[in-house]
C-alpha atoms as a PDB file:
ATOM      1  CA  MET A   1     113.277  94.471 118.502  1.00  0.00           C
ATOM      2  CA  SER A   2     114.433  95.888 115.168  1.00  0.00           C
ATOM      3  CA  ALA A   3     111.900  96.095 112.065  1.00  0.00           C
ATOM      4  CA  LEU A   4     111.709  93.140 109.332  1.00  0.00           C
ATOM      5  CA  LEU A   5     111.775  96.035 106.419  1.00  0.00           C
ATOM      6  CA  GLU A   6     112.583  99.342 106.156  1.00  0.00           C
ATOM      7  CA  VAL A   7     112.743 100.993 102.848  1.00  0.00           C
ATOM      8  CA  CYS A   8     114.594 104.784 102.844  1.00  0.00           C
ATOM      9  CA  ASP A   9     114.890 107.343 100.670  1.00  0.00           C
ATOM     10  CA  LEU A  10     113.689 105.045  97.147  1.00  0.00           C
ATOM     11  CA  ALA A  11     113.514 106.722  94.593  1.00  0.00           C
ATOM     12  CA  PHE A  12     113.532 105.184  90.445  1.00  0.00           C
ATOM     13  CA  VAL A  13     114.166 107.396  87.288  1.00  0.00           C
ATOM     14  CA  SER A  14     112.384 106.516  84.142  1.00  0.00           C
ATOM     15  CA  ALA A  15     112.356 107.760  80.848  1.00  0.00           C
ATOM     16  CA  ARG A  16     108.968 109.519  81.288  1.00  0.00           C
ATOM     17  CA  ALA A  17     109.298 110.538  85.059  1.00  0.00           C
ATOM     18  CA  ARG A  18     110.830 110.117  88.803  1.00  0.00           C
ATOM     19  CA  GLU A  19     108.546 107.983  90.813  1.00  0.00           C
ATOM     20  CA  LEU A  20     108.503 107.624  94.483  1.00  0.00           C
ATOM     21  CA  ASP A  21     110.451 110.095  94.906  1.00  0.00           C
ATOM     22  CA  GLY A  22     112.155 109.745  98.641  1.00  0.00           C
ATOM     23  CA  SER A  23     110.176 106.992  99.085  1.00  0.00           C
ATOM     24  CA  GLY A  24     110.757 105.580 103.579  1.00  0.00           C
ATOM     25  CA  PHE A  25     108.511 103.664 105.112  1.00  0.00           C
ATOM     26  CA  THR A  26     109.963 100.918 108.567  1.00  0.00           C
ATOM     27  CA  LEU A  27     108.426  97.630 108.619  1.00  0.00           C
ATOM     28  CA  GLU A  28     108.856  95.848 112.777  1.00  0.00           C
ATOM     29  CA  ARG A  29     107.808  92.495 113.146  1.00  0.00           C
ATOM     30  CA  GLY A  30     104.503  91.446 113.593  1.00  0.00           C
ATOM     31  CA  LYS A  31     102.860  94.589 111.665  1.00  0.00           C
ATOM     32  CA  SER A  32     100.920  94.769 108.846  1.00  0.00           C
ATOM     33  CA  LEU A  33     101.265  97.130 105.843  1.00  0.00           C
ATOM     34  CA  CYS A  34      98.921  98.200 103.007  1.00  0.00           C
ATOM     35  CA  VAL A  35      99.891 100.272 100.313  1.00  0.00           C
ATOM     36  CA  VAL A  36      96.700 102.379  98.609  1.00  0.00           C
ATOM     37  CA  GLY A  37      96.868 105.118  96.648  1.00  0.00           C
ATOM     38  CA  ASP A  38      94.860 106.522  93.160  1.00  0.00           C
ATOM     39  CA  SER A  39      96.263 105.197  89.848  1.00  0.00           C
ATOM     40  CA  GLY A  40      99.687 106.085  88.202  1.00  0.00           C
ATOM     41  CA  SER A  41     100.756 106.294  92.398  1.00  0.00           C
ATOM     42  CA  GLY A  42     103.672 103.659  91.894  1.00  0.00           C
ATOM     43  CA  LYS A  43     102.380 101.113  93.812  1.00  0.00           C
ATOM     44  CA  THR A  44     102.998  98.405  91.290  1.00  0.00           C
ATOM     45  CA  LEU A  45     105.969  99.661  90.722  1.00  0.00           C
ATOM     46  CA  LEU A  46     106.851  99.674  94.324  1.00  0.00           C
ATOM     47  CA  LEU A  47     105.483  96.107  95.237  1.00  0.00           C
ATOM     48  CA  ARG A  48     108.558  95.468  91.540  1.00  0.00           C
ATOM     49  CA  LEU A  49     111.377  96.962  93.717  1.00  0.00           C
ATOM     50  CA  LEU A  50     110.761  95.223  97.062  1.00  0.00           C
ATOM     51  CA  CYS A  51     110.579  92.272  94.354  1.00  0.00           C
ATOM     52  CA  GLY A  52     113.652  92.947  93.307  1.00  0.00           C
ATOM     53  CA  LEU A  53     112.125  92.546  89.474  1.00  0.00           C
ATOM     54  CA  GLU A  54     112.585  96.567  89.326  1.00  0.00           C
ATOM     55  CA  ARG A  55     116.140  98.208  90.554  1.00  0.00           C
ATOM     56  CA  SER A  56     115.833 101.801  92.298  1.00  0.00           C
ATOM     57  CA  SER A  57     117.704 105.154  90.723  1.00  0.00           C
ATOM     58  CA  GLU A  58     118.747 106.218  95.298  1.00  0.00           C
ATOM     59  CA  GLY A  59     118.311 105.165  98.292  1.00  0.00           C
ATOM     60  CA  HIS A  60     117.542 101.869 100.131  1.00  0.00           C
ATOM     61  CA  ILE A  61     115.670  98.155 100.957  1.00  0.00           C
ATOM     62  CA  ARG A  62     116.478  96.301 104.625  1.00  0.00           C
ATOM     63  CA  HIS A  63     115.077  93.192 104.647  1.00  0.00           C
ATOM     64  CA  ASP A  64     115.864  91.272 108.207  1.00  0.00           C
ATOM     65  CA  GLY A  65     118.995  93.647 109.164  1.00  0.00           C
ATOM     66  CA  THR A  66     120.474  93.189 105.954  1.00  0.00           C
ATOM     67  CA  ASP A  67     121.120  96.238 103.520  1.00  0.00           C
ATOM     68  CA  ARG A  68     120.700  95.793  99.719  1.00  0.00           C
ATOM     69  CA  LYS A  69     119.928  97.898  96.787  1.00  0.00           C
ATOM     70  CA  SER A  70     116.624  97.381  95.001  1.00  0.00           C
END
């Protein structure tokens, strides 16, 4: 069975900082994932990248086997 969502080596570089440096995870079909962290840790940025509202500086997101640059 292939993963529903794969995030590999994700990074976002802004004028302020380098965020989500090298982040990655795999979400298998039928499973759930909870993202937790302190304020400013990148939870909302991760969601914006997954939804395509922002573009990553590095890494990739693969959804249902299709690789795309976030």
